[in-house]
């Protein structure tokens, strides 16, 4: 089940993106996505933590790609602002 949680977490972190800067899912949107996805699956702490960790990894990867664009600094600032809350949800 951790692999399924990782896929869901990655999707939850970016499901609102269309290719434009700053369209990645907010923490609240990510949370709602994961709640809806996990409903009835019997996820425990491990699955939730894996999902949040996978989502943060995707967001960090995307911020790295954005760092070479004109909007890179703003994308990195948003990641910096959201990293700690996402890490807490990942159990770190």
Protein backbone atom coordinates (compact mmCIF):
# COMPACT_ATOMS: atom_id res chain seq x y z
CA UNK A 1 0.00 0.00 0.00
CA UNK A 2 2.90 2.51 0.46
CA UNK A 3 3.46 2.60 -3.32
CA UNK A 4 -0.19 3.47 -3.85
CA UNK A 5 0.09 6.17 -1.19
CA UNK A 6 3.17 7.62 -2.89
CA UNK A 7 1.37 7.85 -6.23
CA UNK A 8 -1.66 9.46 -4.59
CA UNK A 9 0.56 11.91 -2.70
CA UNK A 10 2.40 12.97 -5.83
CA UNK A 11 -0.89 13.50 -7.64
CA UNK A 12 -2.38 15.40 -4.69
CA UNK A 13 0.49 17.89 -4.65
CA UNK A 14 0.16 18.85 -8.31
CA UNK A 15 -3.35 17.99 -9.48
CA UNK A 16 -4.27 21.66 -9.99
CA UNK A 17 -1.30 22.41 -12.28
CA UNK A 18 -1.80 23.44 -15.88
CA UNK A 19 1.78 24.43 -16.65
CA UNK A 20 1.50 27.96 -15.37
CA UNK A 21 3.50 29.05 -12.30
CA UNK A 22 1.84 28.88 -8.89
CA UNK A 23 -0.88 26.45 -9.83
CA UNK A 24 0.36 23.62 -7.63
CA UNK A 25 -2.12 22.50 -5.02
CA UNK A 26 -2.15 24.34 -1.73
CA UNK A 27 -1.72 22.43 1.51
CA UNK A 28 -5.50 22.51 2.07
CA UNK A 29 -6.20 21.28 -1.48
CA UNK A 30 -3.65 18.51 -1.05
CA UNK A 31 -5.23 17.52 2.25
CA UNK A 32 -8.73 17.39 0.76
CA UNK A 33 -7.49 15.35 -2.21
CA UNK A 34 -5.83 12.81 0.07
CA UNK A 35 -8.84 12.60 2.38
CA UNK A 36 -11.14 11.92 -0.56
CA UNK A 37 -8.74 9.42 -2.11
CA UNK A 38 -8.07 7.50 1.10
CA UNK A 39 -11.69 7.33 2.19
CA UNK A 40 -12.59 3.73 2.81
CA UNK A 41 -9.08 2.42 2.14
CA UNK A 42 -8.14 2.07 5.79
CA UNK A 43 -5.00 4.14 5.51
CA UNK A 44 -2.92 4.37 8.64
CA UNK A 45 -0.24 6.81 9.68
CA UNK A 46 2.35 5.25 7.37
CA UNK A 47 0.28 5.73 4.22
CA UNK A 48 -0.53 9.33 5.07
CA UNK A 49 3.12 10.11 5.79
CA UNK A 50 4.27 8.43 2.56
CA UNK A 51 1.70 10.43 0.59
CA UNK A 52 2.82 13.76 2.07
CA UNK A 53 6.51 12.90 1.57
CA UNK A 54 5.92 11.96 -2.07
CA UNK A 55 4.00 15.17 -2.67
CA UNK A 56 6.79 17.25 -1.18
CA UNK A 57 9.35 15.45 -3.33
CA UNK A 58 7.38 16.32 -6.48
CA UNK A 59 7.04 19.94 -5.37
CA UNK A 60 10.80 20.14 -4.71
CA UNK A 61 11.56 18.61 -8.12
CA UNK A 62 9.25 21.09 -9.82
CA UNK A 63 10.79 24.00 -7.91
CA UNK A 64 14.23 22.88 -9.07
CA UNK A 65 13.01 22.95 -12.69
CA UNK A 66 11.44 26.37 -12.15
CA UNK A 67 14.68 27.73 -10.72
CA UNK A 68 15.97 28.30 -14.24
CA UNK A 69 12.94 30.37 -15.29
CA UNK A 70 11.90 33.95 -14.62
CA UNK A 71 9.38 32.77 -12.01
CA UNK A 72 11.89 30.51 -10.28
CA UNK A 73 12.44 32.66 -7.22
CA UNK A 74 8.72 32.92 -6.56
CA UNK A 75 8.23 29.16 -6.93
CA UNK A 76 11.13 28.51 -4.54
CA UNK A 77 9.69 31.02 -2.05
CA UNK A 78 6.36 29.20 -2.08
CA UNK A 79 8.10 25.88 -1.53
CA UNK A 80 10.10 27.36 1.32
CA UNK A 81 6.87 28.60 2.91
CA UNK A 82 5.12 25.24 2.53
CA UNK A 83 7.98 22.82 3.16
CA UNK A 84 7.75 22.67 6.96
CA UNK A 85 3.98 22.06 7.13
CA UNK A 86 4.29 19.39 4.44
CA UNK A 87 7.24 17.80 6.27
CA UNK A 88 5.25 17.70 9.51
CA UNK A 89 2.45 15.87 7.73
CA UNK A 90 5.10 13.47 6.35
CA UNK A 91 6.15 12.62 9.90
CA UNK A 92 9.45 14.49 9.84
